[in-house]
Amino acid sequence: MEQTGALSWADAGSTLLMLLVVLVVIILLAGLVRKLNMRMPTYNSPVKILSSVALGPKERLVIVSIGEQKLLLGVTAHQIQLLQTLPDDFKVKDTDKSASSSFAQQVITAIRRDR
């Protein structure tokens, strides 16, 4: 058997075929992982995020519901702090792009009501 430095068309074809097989396997495995992640069971948690508004790049005001209680939380990159326990009649409207001002108004109204 004599070996030369040049590849034959058969060698190039088999290399290309193996490359395609590896790509197909990667694509199939990615699809399988995506399907398995979407079918993970979801647990009914008593904690629900009702509304959230960004105050800065890493700061947010968040209203969460824990059972029947509603809490206003200040969330930063390093801590979460309870700012206010909201009254039972506090309602969160459906959020859209213009809802940040109404969210802020609701928070101010709720805080004033408790004082």
PDB file of N, CA and C in Angstrom:
ATOM      1  N   MET A   1       0.815  -1.171   0.000  1.00  0.00           N
ATOM      2  CA  MET A   1       0.000   0.000   0.000  1.00  0.00           C
ATOM      3  C   MET A   1       0.862   1.239   0.000  1.00  0.00           C
ATOM      4  N   GLU A   2       0.554   2.079  -0.902  1.00  0.00           N
ATOM      5  CA  GLU A   2       1.344   3.286  -1.042  1.00  0.00           C
ATOM      6  C   GLU A   2       0.503   4.480  -0.610  1.00  0.00           C
ATOM      7  N   GLN A   3       1.028   5.305   0.289  1.00  0.00           N
ATOM      8  CA  GLN A   3       0.293   6.477   0.747  1.00  0.00           C
ATOM      9  C   GLN A   3       0.901   7.725   0.145  1.00  0.00           C
ATOM     10  N   THR A   4       0.021   8.584  -0.306  1.00  0.00           N
ATOM     11  CA  THR A   4       0.485   9.854  -0.849  1.00  0.00           C
ATOM     12  C   THR A   4      -0.127  10.973  -0.034  1.00  0.00           C
ATOM     13  N   GLY A   5       0.328  12.182  -0.226  1.00  0.00           N
ATOM     14  CA  GLY A   5      -0.162  13.335   0.523  1.00  0.00           C
ATOM     15  C   GLY A   5      -1.509  13.830   0.035  1.00  0.00           C
ATOM     16  N   ALA A   6      -1.943  13.434  -1.128  1.00  0.00           N
ATOM     17  CA  ALA A   6      -3.193  13.933  -1.690  1.00  0.00           C
ATOM     18  C   ALA A   6      -4.359  13.071  -1.253  1.00  0.00           C
ATOM     19  N   LEU A   7      -5.507  13.727  -1.007  1.00  0.00           N
ATOM     20  CA  LEU A   7      -6.733  13.000  -0.665  1.00  0.00           C
ATOM     21  C   LEU A   7      -7.453  12.603  -1.948  1.00  0.00           C
ATOM     22  N   SER A   8      -8.056  11.438  -1.884  1.00  0.00           N
ATOM     23  CA  SER A   8      -8.856  11.027  -3.032  1.00  0.00           C
ATOM     24  C   SER A   8     -10.273  11.537  -2.862  1.00  0.00           C
ATOM     25  N   TRP A   9     -11.060  11.483  -3.921  1.00  0.00           N
ATOM     26  CA  TRP A   9     -12.463  11.909  -3.847  1.00  0.00           C
ATOM     27  C   TRP A   9     -13.250  11.012  -2.894  1.00  0.00           C
ATOM     28  N   ALA A  10     -12.878   9.768  -2.781  1.00  0.00           N
ATOM     29  CA  ALA A  10     -13.562   8.842  -1.875  1.00  0.00           C
ATOM     30  C   ALA A  10     -13.309   9.250  -0.424  1.00  0.00           C
ATOM     31  N   ASP A  11     -12.063   9.630  -0.126  1.00  0.00           N
ATOM     32  CA  ASP A  11     -11.746  10.077   1.234  1.00  0.00           C
ATOM     33  C   ASP A  11     -12.497  11.364   1.575  1.00  0.00           C
ATOM     34  N   ALA A  12     -12.539  12.304   0.664  1.00  0.00           N
ATOM     35  CA  ALA A  12     -13.245  13.557   0.899  1.00  0.00           C
ATOM     36  C   ALA A  12     -14.740  13.314   1.049  1.00  0.00           C
ATOM     37  N   GLY A  13     -15.275  12.416   0.227  1.00  0.00           N
ATOM     38  CA  GLY A  13     -16.702  12.102   0.316  1.00  0.00           C
ATOM     39  C   GLY A  13     -17.062  11.434   1.625  1.00  0.00           C
ATOM     40  N   SER A  14     -16.245  10.500   2.095  1.00  0.00           N
ATOM     41  CA  SER A  14     -16.547   9.825   3.362  1.00  0.00           C
ATOM     42  C   SER A  14     -16.392  10.802   4.534  1.00  0.00           C
ATOM     43  N   THR A  15     -15.428  11.716   4.461  1.00  0.00           N
ATOM     44  CA  THR A  15     -15.262  12.723   5.517  1.00  0.00           C
ATOM     45  C   THR A  15     -16.471  13.655   5.557  1.00  0.00           C
ATOM     46  N   LEU A  16     -16.928  14.081   4.399  1.00  0.00           N
ATOM     47  CA  LEU A  16     -18.104  14.945   4.331  1.00  0.00           C
ATOM     48  C   LEU A  16     -19.351  14.221   4.844  1.00  0.00           C
ATOM     49  N   LEU A  17     -19.487  12.954   4.500  1.00  0.00           N
ATOM     50  CA  LEU A  17     -20.629  12.164   4.968  1.00  0.00           C
ATOM     51  C   LEU A  17     -20.620  12.033   6.487  1.00  0.00           C
ATOM     52  N   MET A  18     -19.460  11.778   7.085  1.00  0.00           N
ATOM     53  CA  MET A  18     -19.371  11.655   8.542  1.00  0.00           C
ATOM     54  C   MET A  18     -19.664  13.003   9.223  1.00  0.00           C
ATOM     55  N   LEU A  19     -19.225  14.097   8.597  1.00  0.00           N
ATOM     56  CA  LEU A  19     -19.528  15.426   9.131  1.00  0.00           C
ATOM     57  C   LEU A  19     -21.023  15.683   9.120  1.00  0.00           C
ATOM     58  N   LEU A  20     -21.703  15.312   8.065  1.00  0.00           N
ATOM     59  CA  LEU A  20     -23.158  15.468   7.991  1.00  0.00           C
ATOM     60  C   LEU A  20     -23.865  14.603   9.030  1.00  0.00           C
ATOM     61  N   VAL A  21     -23.370  13.400   9.247  1.00  0.00           N
ATOM     62  CA  VAL A  21     -23.973  12.516  10.259  1.00  0.00           C
ATOM     63  C   VAL A  21     -23.844  13.149  11.642  1.00  0.00           C
ATOM     64  N   VAL A  22     -22.675  13.700  11.947  1.00  0.00           N
ATOM     65  CA  VAL A  22     -22.463  14.333  13.254  1.00  0.00           C
ATOM     66  C   VAL A  22     -23.395  15.542  13.410  1.00  0.00           C
ATOM     67  N   LEU A  23     -23.544  16.358  12.368  1.00  0.00           N
ATOM     68  CA  LEU A  23     -24.446  17.509  12.432  1.00  0.00           C
ATOM     69  C   LEU A  23     -25.892  17.090  12.648  1.00  0.00           C
ATOM     70  N   VAL A  24     -26.331  16.037  11.966  1.00  0.00           N
ATOM     71  CA  VAL A  24     -27.704  15.551  12.144  1.00  0.00           C
ATOM     72  C   VAL A  24     -27.915  15.051  13.564  1.00  0.00           C
ATOM     73  N   VAL A  25     -26.936  14.350  14.125  1.00  0.00           N
ATOM     74  CA  VAL A  25     -27.056  13.860  15.504  1.00  0.00           C
ATOM     75  C   VAL A  25     -27.138  15.034  16.478  1.00  0.00           C
ATOM     76  N   ILE A  26     -26.332  16.065  16.271  1.00  0.00           N
ATOM     77  CA  ILE A  26     -26.373  17.247  17.149  1.00  0.00           C
ATOM     78  C   ILE A  26     -27.734  17.924  17.070  1.00  0.00           C
ATOM     79  N   ILE A  27     -28.273  18.077  15.872  1.00  0.00           N
ATOM     80  CA  ILE A  27     -29.585  18.717  15.703  1.00  0.00           C
ATOM     81  C   ILE A  27     -30.678  17.888  16.359  1.00  0.00           C
ATOM     82  N   LEU A  28     -30.633  16.576  16.194  1.00  0.00           N
ATOM     83  CA  LEU A  28     -31.636  15.708  16.819  1.00  0.00           C
ATOM     84  C   LEU A  28     -31.546  15.766  18.343  1.00  0.00           C
ATOM     85  N   LEU A  29     -30.340  15.760  18.884  1.00  0.00           N
ATOM     86  CA  LEU A  29     -30.186  15.844  20.335  1.00  0.00           C
ATOM     87  C   LEU A  29     -30.666  17.197  20.872  1.00  0.00           C
ATOM     88  N   ALA A  30     -30.413  18.272  20.136  1.00  0.00           N
ATOM     89  CA  ALA A  30     -30.901  19.588  20.561  1.00  0.00           C
ATOM     90  C   ALA A  30     -32.425  19.621  20.575  1.00  0.00           C
ATOM     91  N   GLY A  31     -33.048  19.038  19.574  1.00  0.00           N
ATOM     92  CA  GLY A  31     -34.510  18.966  19.541  1.00  0.00           C
ATOM     93  C   GLY A  31     -35.058  18.136  20.687  1.00  0.00           C
ATOM     94  N   LEU A  32     -34.392  17.037  21.013  1.00  0.00           N
ATOM     95  CA  LEU A  32     -34.822  16.177  22.122  1.00  0.00           C
ATOM     96  C   LEU A  32     -34.709  16.918  23.449  1.00  0.00           C
ATOM     97  N   VAL A  33     -33.616  17.641  23.647  1.00  0.00           N
ATOM     98  CA  VAL A  33     -33.441  18.396  24.890  1.00  0.00           C
ATOM     99  C   VAL A  33     -34.512  19.467  25.013  1.00  0.00           C
ATOM    100  N   ARG A  34     -34.819  20.142  23.918  1.00  0.00           N
ATOM    101  CA  ARG A  34     -35.859  21.176  23.943  1.00  0.00           C
ATOM    102  C   ARG A  34     -37.212  20.575  24.308  1.00  0.00           C
ATOM    103  N   LYS A  35     -37.540  19.431  23.725  1.00  0.00           N
ATOM    104  CA  LYS A  35     -38.822  18.786  24.046  1.00  0.00           C
ATOM    105  C   LYS A  35     -38.884  18.363  25.497  1.00  0.00           C
ATOM    106  N   LEU A  36     -37.813  17.802  26.011  1.00  0.00           N
ATOM    107  CA  LEU A  36     -37.805  17.345  27.398  1.00  0.00           C
ATOM    108  C   LEU A  36     -37.912  18.520  28.362  1.00  0.00           C
ATOM    109  N   ASN A  37     -37.274  19.628  28.052  1.00  0.00           N
ATOM    110  CA  ASN A  37     -37.358  20.803  28.927  1.00  0.00           C
ATOM    111  C   ASN A  37     -38.751  21.397  28.927  1.00  0.00           C
ATOM    112  N   MET A  38     -39.463  21.360  27.810  1.00  0.00           N
ATOM    113  CA  MET A  38     -40.812  21.920  27.750  1.00  0.00           C
ATOM    114  C   MET A  38     -41.818  21.044  28.478  1.00  0.00           C
ATOM    115  N   ARG A  39     -41.517  19.791  28.634  1.00  0.00           N
ATOM    116  CA  ARG A  39     -42.454  18.884  29.293  1.00  0.00           C
ATOM    117  C   ARG A  39     -42.149  18.679  30.764  1.00  0.00           C
ATOM    118  N   MET A  40     -41.252  19.472  31.318  1.00  0.00           N
ATOM    119  CA  MET A  40     -40.964  19.372  32.741  1.00  0.00           C
ATOM    120  C   MET A  40     -42.228  19.734  33.507  1.00  0.00           C
ATOM    121  N   PRO A  41     -42.501  19.022  34.582  1.00  0.00           N
ATOM    122  CA  PRO A  41     -43.728  19.323  35.326  1.00  0.00           C
ATOM    123  C   PRO A  41     -43.640  20.699  35.973  1.00  0.00           C
ATOM    124  N   THR A  42     -44.751  21.416  35.927  1.00  0.00           N
ATOM    125  CA  THR A  42     -44.822  22.706  36.592  1.00  0.00           C
ATOM    126  C   THR A  42     -45.578  22.520  37.907  1.00  0.00           C
ATOM    127  N   TYR A  43     -45.032  23.079  38.928  1.00  0.00           N
ATOM    128  CA  TYR A  43     -45.636  22.950  40.242  1.00  0.00           C
ATOM    129  C   TYR A  43     -46.463  24.197  40.529  1.00  0.00           C
ATOM    130  N   ASN A  44     -47.614  24.014  41.120  1.00  0.00           N
ATOM    131  CA  ASN A  44     -48.470  25.135  41.487  1.00  0.00           C
ATOM    132  C   ASN A  44     -47.888  25.780  42.734  1.00  0.00           C
ATOM    133  N   SER A  45     -47.191  26.861  42.526  1.00  0.00           N
ATOM    134  CA  SER A  45     -46.545  27.550  43.625  1.00  0.00           C
ATOM    135  C   SER A  45     -47.496  28.598  44.196  1.00  0.00           C
ATOM    136  N   PRO A  46     -47.485  28.783  45.500  1.00  0.00           N
ATOM    137  CA  PRO A  46     -48.327  29.830  46.086  1.00  0.00           C
ATOM    138  C   PRO A  46     -47.757  31.223  45.828  1.00  0.00           C
ATOM    139  N   VAL A  47     -46.520  31.325  45.362  1.00  0.00           N
ATOM    140  CA  VAL A  47     -45.879  32.615  45.098  1.00  0.00           C
ATOM    141  C   VAL A  47     -46.055  32.948  43.621  1.00  0.00           C
ATOM    142  N   LYS A  48     -46.645  34.119  43.347  1.00  0.00           N
ATOM    143  CA  LYS A  48     -46.863  34.555  41.971  1.00  0.00           C
ATOM    144  C   LYS A  48     -46.417  36.001  41.833  1.00  0.00           C
ATOM    145  N   ILE A  49     -45.738  36.314  40.736  1.00  0.00           N
ATOM    146  CA  ILE A  49     -45.353  37.692  40.448  1.00  0.00           C
ATOM    147  C   ILE A  49     -46.527  38.349  39.738  1.00  0.00           C
ATOM    148  N   LEU A  50     -47.088  39.376  40.363  1.00  0.00           N
ATOM    149  CA  LEU A  50     -48.242  40.060  39.793  1.00  0.00           C
ATOM    150  C   LEU A  50     -47.825  41.189  38.864  1.00  0.00           C
ATOM    151  N   SER A  51     -46.758  41.903  39.236  1.00  0.00           N
ATOM    152  CA  SER A  51     -46.316  43.022  38.412  1.00  0.00           C
ATOM    153  C   SER A  51     -44.867  43.330  38.757  1.00  0.00           C
ATOM    154  N   SER A  52     -44.171  43.934  37.808  1.00  0.00           N
ATOM    155  CA  SER A  52     -42.776  44.280  38.007  1.00  0.00           C
ATOM    156  C   SER A  52     -42.452  45.494  37.152  1.00  0.00           C
ATOM    157  N   VAL A  53     -41.646  46.401  37.707  1.00  0.00           N
ATOM    158  CA  VAL A  53     -41.214  47.572  36.949  1.00  0.00           C
ATOM    159  C   VAL A  53     -39.736  47.811  37.244  1.00  0.00           C
ATOM    160  N   ALA A  54     -38.967  48.094  36.185  1.00  0.00           N
ATOM    161  CA  ALA A  54     -37.538  48.352  36.334  1.00  0.00           C
ATOM    162  C   ALA A  54     -37.313  49.774  36.802  1.00  0.00           C
ATOM    163  N   LEU A  55     -36.449  49.931  37.782  1.00  0.00           N
ATOM    164  CA  LEU A  55     -36.066  51.249  38.276  1.00  0.00           C
ATOM    165  C   LEU A  55     -34.673  51.627  37.787  1.00  0.00           C
ATOM    166  N   GLY A  56     -33.918  50.663  37.387  1.00  0.00           N
ATOM    167  CA  GLY A  56     -32.561  50.849  36.896  1.00  0.00           C
ATOM    168  C   GLY A  56     -32.120  49.571  36.216  1.00  0.00           C
ATOM    169  N   PRO A  57     -30.843  49.473  35.859  1.00  0.00           N
ATOM    170  CA  PRO A  57     -30.390  48.272  35.149  1.00  0.00           C
ATOM    171  C   PRO A  57     -30.513  46.990  35.978  1.00  0.00           C
ATOM    172  N   LYS A  58     -30.373  47.109  37.302  1.00  0.00           N
ATOM    173  CA  LYS A  58     -30.450  45.912  38.144  1.00  0.00           C
ATOM    174  C   LYS A  58     -31.389  46.085  39.327  1.00  0.00           C
ATOM    175  N   GLU A  59     -32.227  47.099  39.277  1.00  0.00           N
ATOM    176  CA  GLU A  59     -33.161  47.363  40.372  1.00  0.00           C
ATOM    177  C   GLU A  59     -34.584  47.289  39.864  1.00  0.00           C
ATOM    178  N   ARG A  60     -35.452  46.664  40.653  1.00  0.00           N
ATOM    179  CA  ARG A  60     -36.848  46.503  40.256  1.00  0.00           C
ATOM    180  C   ARG A  60     -37.748  46.651  41.474  1.00  0.00           C
ATOM    181  N   LEU A  61     -38.974  47.091  41.219  1.00  0.00           N
ATOM    182  CA  LEU A  61     -40.063  46.985  42.189  1.00  0.00           C
ATOM    183  C   LEU A  61     -40.937  45.842  41.719  1.00  0.00           C
ATOM    184  N   VAL A  62     -41.262  44.939  42.621  1.00  0.00           N
ATOM    185  CA  VAL A  62     -42.026  43.756  42.253  1.00  0.00           C
ATOM    186  C   VAL A  62     -43.166  43.584  43.238  1.00  0.00           C
ATOM    187  N   ILE A  63     -44.358  43.333  42.715  1.00  0.00           N
ATOM    188  CA  ILE A  63     -45.493  42.973  43.562  1.00  0.00           C
ATOM    189  C   ILE A  63     -45.696  41.478  43.428  1.00  0.00           C
ATOM    190  N   VAL A  64     -45.625  40.784  44.549  1.00  0.00           N
ATOM    191  CA  VAL A  64     -45.827  39.342  44.549  1.00  0.00           C
ATOM    192  C   VAL A  64     -47.039  39.008  45.401  1.00  0.00           C
ATOM    193  N   SER A  65     -47.652  37.902  45.061  1.00  0.00           N
ATOM    194  CA  SER A  65     -48.773  37.384  45.832  1.00  0.00           C
ATOM    195  C   SER A  65     -48.321  36.069  46.456  1.00  0.00           C
ATOM    196  N   ILE A  66     -48.474  36.004  47.767  1.00  0.00           N
ATOM    197  CA  ILE A  66     -48.167  34.767  48.490  1.00  0.00           C
ATOM    198  C   ILE A  66     -49.449  34.370  49.184  1.00  0.00           C
ATOM    199  N   GLY A  67     -50.130  33.403  48.606  1.00  0.00           N
ATOM    200  CA  GLY A  67     -51.449  33.046  49.108  1.00  0.00           C
ATOM    201  C   GLY A  67     -52.394  34.207  48.885  1.00  0.00           C
ATOM    202  N   GLU A  68     -52.961  34.748  49.948  1.00  0.00           N
ATOM    203  CA  GLU A  68     -53.869  35.891  49.861  1.00  0.00           C
ATOM    204  C   GLU A  68     -53.155  37.214  50.110  1.00  0.00           C
ATOM    205  N   GLN A  69     -51.911  37.166  50.532  1.00  0.00           N
ATOM    206  CA  GLN A  69     -51.176  38.379  50.897  1.00  0.00           C
ATOM    207  C   GLN A  69     -50.400  38.911  49.697  1.00  0.00           C
ATOM    208  N   LYS A  70     -50.369  40.247  49.547  1.00  0.00           N
ATOM    209  CA  LYS A  70     -49.624  40.897  48.469  1.00  0.00           C
ATOM    210  C   LYS A  70     -48.512  41.726  49.080  1.00  0.00           C
ATOM    211  N   LEU A  71     -47.305  41.585  48.512  1.00  0.00           N
ATOM    212  CA  LEU A  71     -46.137  42.274  49.041  1.00  0.00           C
ATOM    213  C   LEU A  71     -45.468  43.098  47.957  1.00  0.00           C
ATOM    214  N   LEU A  72     -44.981  44.268  48.330  1.00  0.00           N
ATOM    215  CA  LEU A  72     -44.171  45.095  47.445  1.00  0.00           C
ATOM    216  C   LEU A  72     -42.726  44.875  47.841  1.00  0.00           C
ATOM    217  N   LEU A  73     -41.913  44.381  46.892  1.00  0.00           N
ATOM    218  CA  LEU A  73     -40.523  44.057  47.159  1.00  0.00           C
ATOM    219  C   LEU A  73     -39.613  44.952  46.333  1.00  0.00           C
ATOM    220  N   GLY A  74     -38.510  45.361  46.928  1.00  0.00           N
ATOM    221  CA  GLY A  74     -37.435  46.027  46.208  1.00  0.00           C
ATOM    222  C   GLY A  74     -36.378  44.990  45.913  1.00  0.00           C
ATOM    223  N   VAL A  75     -36.037  44.826  44.649  1.00  0.00           N
ATOM    224  CA  VAL A  75     -35.112  43.772  44.241  1.00  0.00           C
ATOM    225  C   VAL A  75     -33.897  44.425  43.589  1.00  0.00           C
ATOM    226  N   THR A  76     -32.719  44.107  44.107  1.00  0.00           N
ATOM    227  CA  THR A  76     -31.471  44.545  43.505  1.00  0.00           C
ATOM    228  C   THR A  76     -30.650  43.310  43.156  1.00  0.00           C
ATOM    229  N   ALA A  77     -29.462  43.535  42.640  1.00  0.00           N
ATOM    230  CA  ALA A  77     -28.599  42.407  42.286  1.00  0.00           C
ATOM    231  C   ALA A  77     -28.122  41.653  43.525  1.00  0.00           C
ATOM    232  N   HIS A  78     -28.135  42.321  44.688  1.00  0.00           N
ATOM    233  CA  HIS A  78     -27.574  41.703  45.879  1.00  0.00           C
ATOM    234  C   HIS A  78     -28.573  41.394  46.978  1.00  0.00           C
ATOM    235  N   GLN A  79     -29.779  41.941  46.904  1.00  0.00           N
ATOM    236  CA  GLN A  79     -30.730  41.681  47.981  1.00  0.00           C
ATOM    237  C   GLN A  79     -32.168  41.888  47.520  1.00  0.00           C
ATOM    238  N   ILE A  80     -33.063  41.329  48.297  1.00  0.00           N
ATOM    239  CA  ILE A  80     -34.502  41.527  48.118  1.00  0.00           C
ATOM    240  C   ILE A  80     -35.015  42.028  49.456  1.00  0.00           C
ATOM    241  N   GLN A  81     -35.731  43.162  49.421  1.00  0.00           N
ATOM    242  CA  GLN A  81     -36.198  43.757  50.669  1.00  0.00           C
ATOM    243  C   GLN A  81     -37.700  44.015  50.598  1.00  0.00           C
ATOM    244  N   LEU A  82     -38.388  43.681  51.678  1.00  0.00           N
ATOM    245  CA  LEU A  82     -39.819  43.962  51.782  1.00  0.00           C
ATOM    246  C   LEU A  82     -39.999  45.452  52.020  1.00  0.00           C
ATOM    247  N   LEU A  83     -40.710  46.113  51.106  1.00  0.00           N
ATOM    248  CA  LEU A  83     -40.955  47.544  51.242  1.00  0.00           C
ATOM    249  C   LEU A  83     -42.303  47.832  51.876  1.00  0.00           C
ATOM    250  N   GLN A  84     -43.315  47.026  51.521  1.00  0.00           N
ATOM    251  CA  GLN A  84     -44.669  47.306  52.001  1.00  0.00           C
ATOM    252  C   GLN A  84     -45.512  46.046  51.883  1.00  0.00           C
ATOM    253  N   THR A  85     -46.358  45.833  52.865  1.00  0.00           N
ATOM    254  CA  THR A  85     -47.405  44.822  52.737  1.00  0.00           C
ATOM    255  C   THR A  85     -48.627  45.557  52.212  1.00  0.00           C
ATOM    256  N   LEU A  86     -49.124  45.127  51.074  1.00  0.00           N
ATOM    257  CA  LEU A  86     -50.204  45.848  50.398  1.00  0.00           C
ATOM    258  C   LEU A  86     -51.564  45.407  50.945  1.00  0.00           C
ATOM    259  N   PRO A  87     -52.550  46.298  50.895  1.00  0.00           N
ATOM    260  CA  PRO A  87     -53.882  45.956  51.398  1.00  0.00           C
ATOM    261  C   PRO A  87     -54.549  44.888  50.529  1.00  0.00           C
ATOM    262  N   ASP A  88     -55.558  44.236  51.123  1.00  0.00           N
ATOM    263  CA  ASP A  88     -56.256  43.157  50.416  1.00  0.00           C
ATOM    264  C   ASP A  88     -56.976  43.639  49.167  1.00  0.00           C
ATOM    265  N   ASP A  89     -57.430  44.896  49.167  1.00  0.00           N
ATOM    266  CA  ASP A  89     -58.185  45.399  48.019  1.00  0.00           C
ATOM    267  C   ASP A  89     -57.284  45.950  46.912  1.00  0.00           C
ATOM    268  N   PHE A  90     -55.976  45.795  47.044  1.00  0.00           N
ATOM    269  CA  PHE A  90     -55.043  46.269  46.026  1.00  0.00           C
ATOM    270  C   PHE A  90     -55.185  45.423  44.771  1.00  0.00           C
ATOM    271  N   LYS A  91     -55.427  46.068  43.654  1.00  0.00           N
ATOM    272  CA  LYS A  91     -55.611  45.384  42.375  1.00  0.00           C
ATOM    273  C   LYS A  91     -54.471  45.731  41.443  1.00  0.00           C
ATOM    274  N   VAL A  92     -54.022  44.751  40.693  1.00  0.00           N
ATOM    275  CA  VAL A  92     -52.995  44.969  39.681  1.00  0.00           C
ATOM    276  C   VAL A  92     -53.665  44.860  38.331  1.00  0.00           C
ATOM    277  N   LYS A  93     -53.582  45.942  37.565  1.00  0.00           N
ATOM    278  CA  LYS A  93     -54.188  45.940  36.234  1.00  0.00           C
ATOM    279  C   LYS A  93     -53.309  45.174  35.272  1.00  0.00           C
ATOM    280  N   ASP A  94     -53.873  44.789  34.115  1.00  0.00           N
ATOM    281  CA  ASP A  94     -53.082  44.155  33.074  1.00  0.00           C
ATOM    282  C   ASP A  94     -52.016  45.125  32.620  1.00  0.00           C
ATOM    283  N   THR A  95     -50.791  44.617  32.488  1.00  0.00           N
ATOM    284  CA  THR A  95     -49.688  45.498  32.126  1.00  0.00           C
ATOM    285  C   THR A  95     -49.544  45.589  30.621  1.00  0.00           C
ATOM    286  N   ASP A  96     -49.195  46.785  30.170  1.00  0.00           N
ATOM    287  CA  ASP A  96     -48.816  47.012  28.788  1.00  0.00           C
ATOM    288  C   ASP A  96     -47.699  48.041  28.790  1.00  0.00           C
ATOM    289  N   LYS A  97     -47.352  48.605  27.664  1.00  0.00           N
ATOM    290  CA  LYS A  97     -46.215  49.523  27.592  1.00  0.00           C
ATOM    291  C   LYS A  97     -46.441  50.801  28.378  1.00  0.00           C
ATOM    292  N   SER A  98     -47.673  51.240  28.525  1.00  0.00           N
ATOM    293  CA  SER A  98     -47.945  52.470  29.253  1.00  0.00           C
ATOM    294  C   SER A  98     -48.325  52.211  30.706  1.00  0.00           C
ATOM    295  N   ALA A  99     -48.167  50.999  31.164  1.00  0.00           N
ATOM    296  CA  ALA A  99     -48.634  50.648  32.498  1.00  0.00           C
ATOM    297  C   ALA A  99     -47.660  51.029  33.596  1.00  0.00           C
ATOM    298  N   SER A 100     -46.423  51.409  33.265  1.00  0.00           N
ATOM    299  CA  SER A 100     -45.466  51.707  34.318  1.00  0.00           C
ATOM    300  C   SER A 100     -45.907  52.901  35.150  1.00  0.00           C
ATOM    301  N   SER A 101     -46.518  53.905  34.539  1.00  0.00           N
ATOM    302  CA  SER A 101     -46.980  55.054  35.316  1.00  0.00           C
ATOM    303  C   SER A 101     -48.162  54.656  36.192  1.00  0.00           C
ATOM    304  N   SER A 102     -49.082  53.821  35.690  1.00  0.00           N
ATOM    305  CA  SER A 102     -50.204  53.399  36.518  1.00  0.00           C
ATOM    306  C   SER A 102     -49.719  52.483  37.644  1.00  0.00           C
ATOM    307  N   PHE A 103     -48.699  51.693  37.392  1.00  0.00           N
ATOM    308  CA  PHE A 103     -48.118  50.843  38.429  1.00  0.00           C
ATOM    309  C   PHE A 103     -47.543  51.716  39.543  1.00  0.00           C
ATOM    310  N   ALA A 104     -46.785  52.728  39.151  1.00  0.00           N
ATOM    311  CA  ALA A 104     -46.198  53.624  40.138  1.00  0.00           C
ATOM    312  C   ALA A 104     -47.291  54.344  40.923  1.00  0.00           C
ATOM    313  N   GLN A 105     -48.338  54.762  40.238  1.00  0.00           N
ATOM    314  CA  GLN A 105     -49.441  55.439  40.905  1.00  0.00           C
ATOM    315  C   GLN A 105     -50.135  54.506  41.893  1.00  0.00           C
ATOM    316  N   GLN A 106     -50.311  53.247  41.521  1.00  0.00           N
ATOM    317  CA  GLN A 106     -50.934  52.283  42.428  1.00  0.00           C
ATOM    318  C   GLN A 106     -50.081  52.075  43.673  1.00  0.00           C
ATOM    319  N   VAL A 107     -48.769  52.004  43.496  1.00  0.00           N
ATOM    320  CA  VAL A 107     -47.875  51.803  44.646  1.00  0.00           C
ATOM    321  C   VAL A 107     -47.954  53.007  45.577  1.00  0.00           C
ATOM    322  N   ILE A 108     -47.923  54.193  45.021  1.00  0.00           N
ATOM    323  CA  ILE A 108     -48.000  55.411  45.845  1.00  0.00           C
ATOM    324  C   ILE A 108     -49.316  55.472  46.577  1.00  0.00           C
ATOM    325  N   THR A 109     -50.415  55.138  45.898  1.00  0.00           N
ATOM    326  CA  THR A 109     -51.741  55.140  46.527  1.00  0.00           C
ATOM    327  C   THR A 109     -51.800  54.127  47.657  1.00  0.00           C
ATOM    328  N   ALA A 110     -51.242  52.932  47.446  1.00  0.00           N
ATOM    329  CA  ALA A 110     -51.267  51.899  48.474  1.00  0.00           C
ATOM    330  C   ALA A 110     -50.449  52.306  49.689  1.00  0.00           C
ATOM    331  N   ILE A 111     -49.311  52.931  49.472  1.00  0.00           N
ATOM    332  CA  ILE A 111     -48.472  53.359  50.589  1.00  0.00           C
ATOM    333  C   ILE A 111     -49.141  54.468  51.368  1.00  0.00           C
ATOM    334  N   ARG A 112     -49.758  55.407  50.684  1.00  0.00           N
ATOM    335  CA  ARG A 112     -50.460  56.506  51.372  1.00  0.00           C
ATOM    336  C   ARG A 112     -51.643  56.006  52.176  1.00  0.00           C
ATOM    337  N   ARG A 113     -52.314  54.977  51.681  1.00  0.00           N
ATOM    338  CA  ARG A 113     -53.484  54.418  52.365  1.00  0.00           C
ATOM    339  C   ARG A 113     -53.106  53.822  53.708  1.00  0.00           C
ATOM    340  N   ASP A 114     -51.891  53.243  53.787  1.00  0.00           N
ATOM    341  CA  ASP A 114     -51.469  52.589  55.029  1.00  0.00           C
ATOM    342  C   ASP A 114     -50.958  53.564  56.072  1.00  0.00           C
ATOM    343  N   ARG A 115     -50.669  54.782  55.692  1.00  0.00           N
ATOM    344  CA  ARG A 115     -50.113  55.748  56.670  1.00  0.00           C
ATOM    345  C   ARG A 115     -51.169  56.424  57.443  1.00  0.00           C
TER     346      ARG A 115
END
